[in-house]
Amino acid sequence: MEQNENLEHISPEEKGKLAEEKTFLALEELKKEGRIKDFGQSFFFSQEDLKGIDFIIISGEGKIIRLQVKSYFWEKEMKRYRRRGIWYLAAQLEKSLEEVKKEILEIVEKATKS
């Protein structure tokens, strides 16, 4: 509970930045483990970022996966991104790095099958 109280004082922008940092670390580990081939992060205010793409992941099979990272989960927003071909990761600050890695792998598996 104490950790959640501390999170309430962080601005939404800072929460988003922290969620992206956690996602970057998770992707870095997945790449080192050979679970994904590669990944890249969009620059802030680049064309990709403005279109809602925070990361591009290349699966082991070579499939390109566009990923939007949020510090919260909102199903309606997730569906809107999916219709545009962008996968949605809710990397809430309360989640551990292992939980984020697991969710990324689930996205990669689903994206590779589609």
Foldseek 3Di string as FASTA:
>chain_A
DVVVVVVVPDDQVVQQVVLLVLLVVLQVVCCVVVQFVDKDADDPPDPCVVVQFGMWTQGPVRDTAGEHEGLADDPVVQVVCVVVRHHYHNSHPVDDSVVSNVVVSVVVVVRVVD
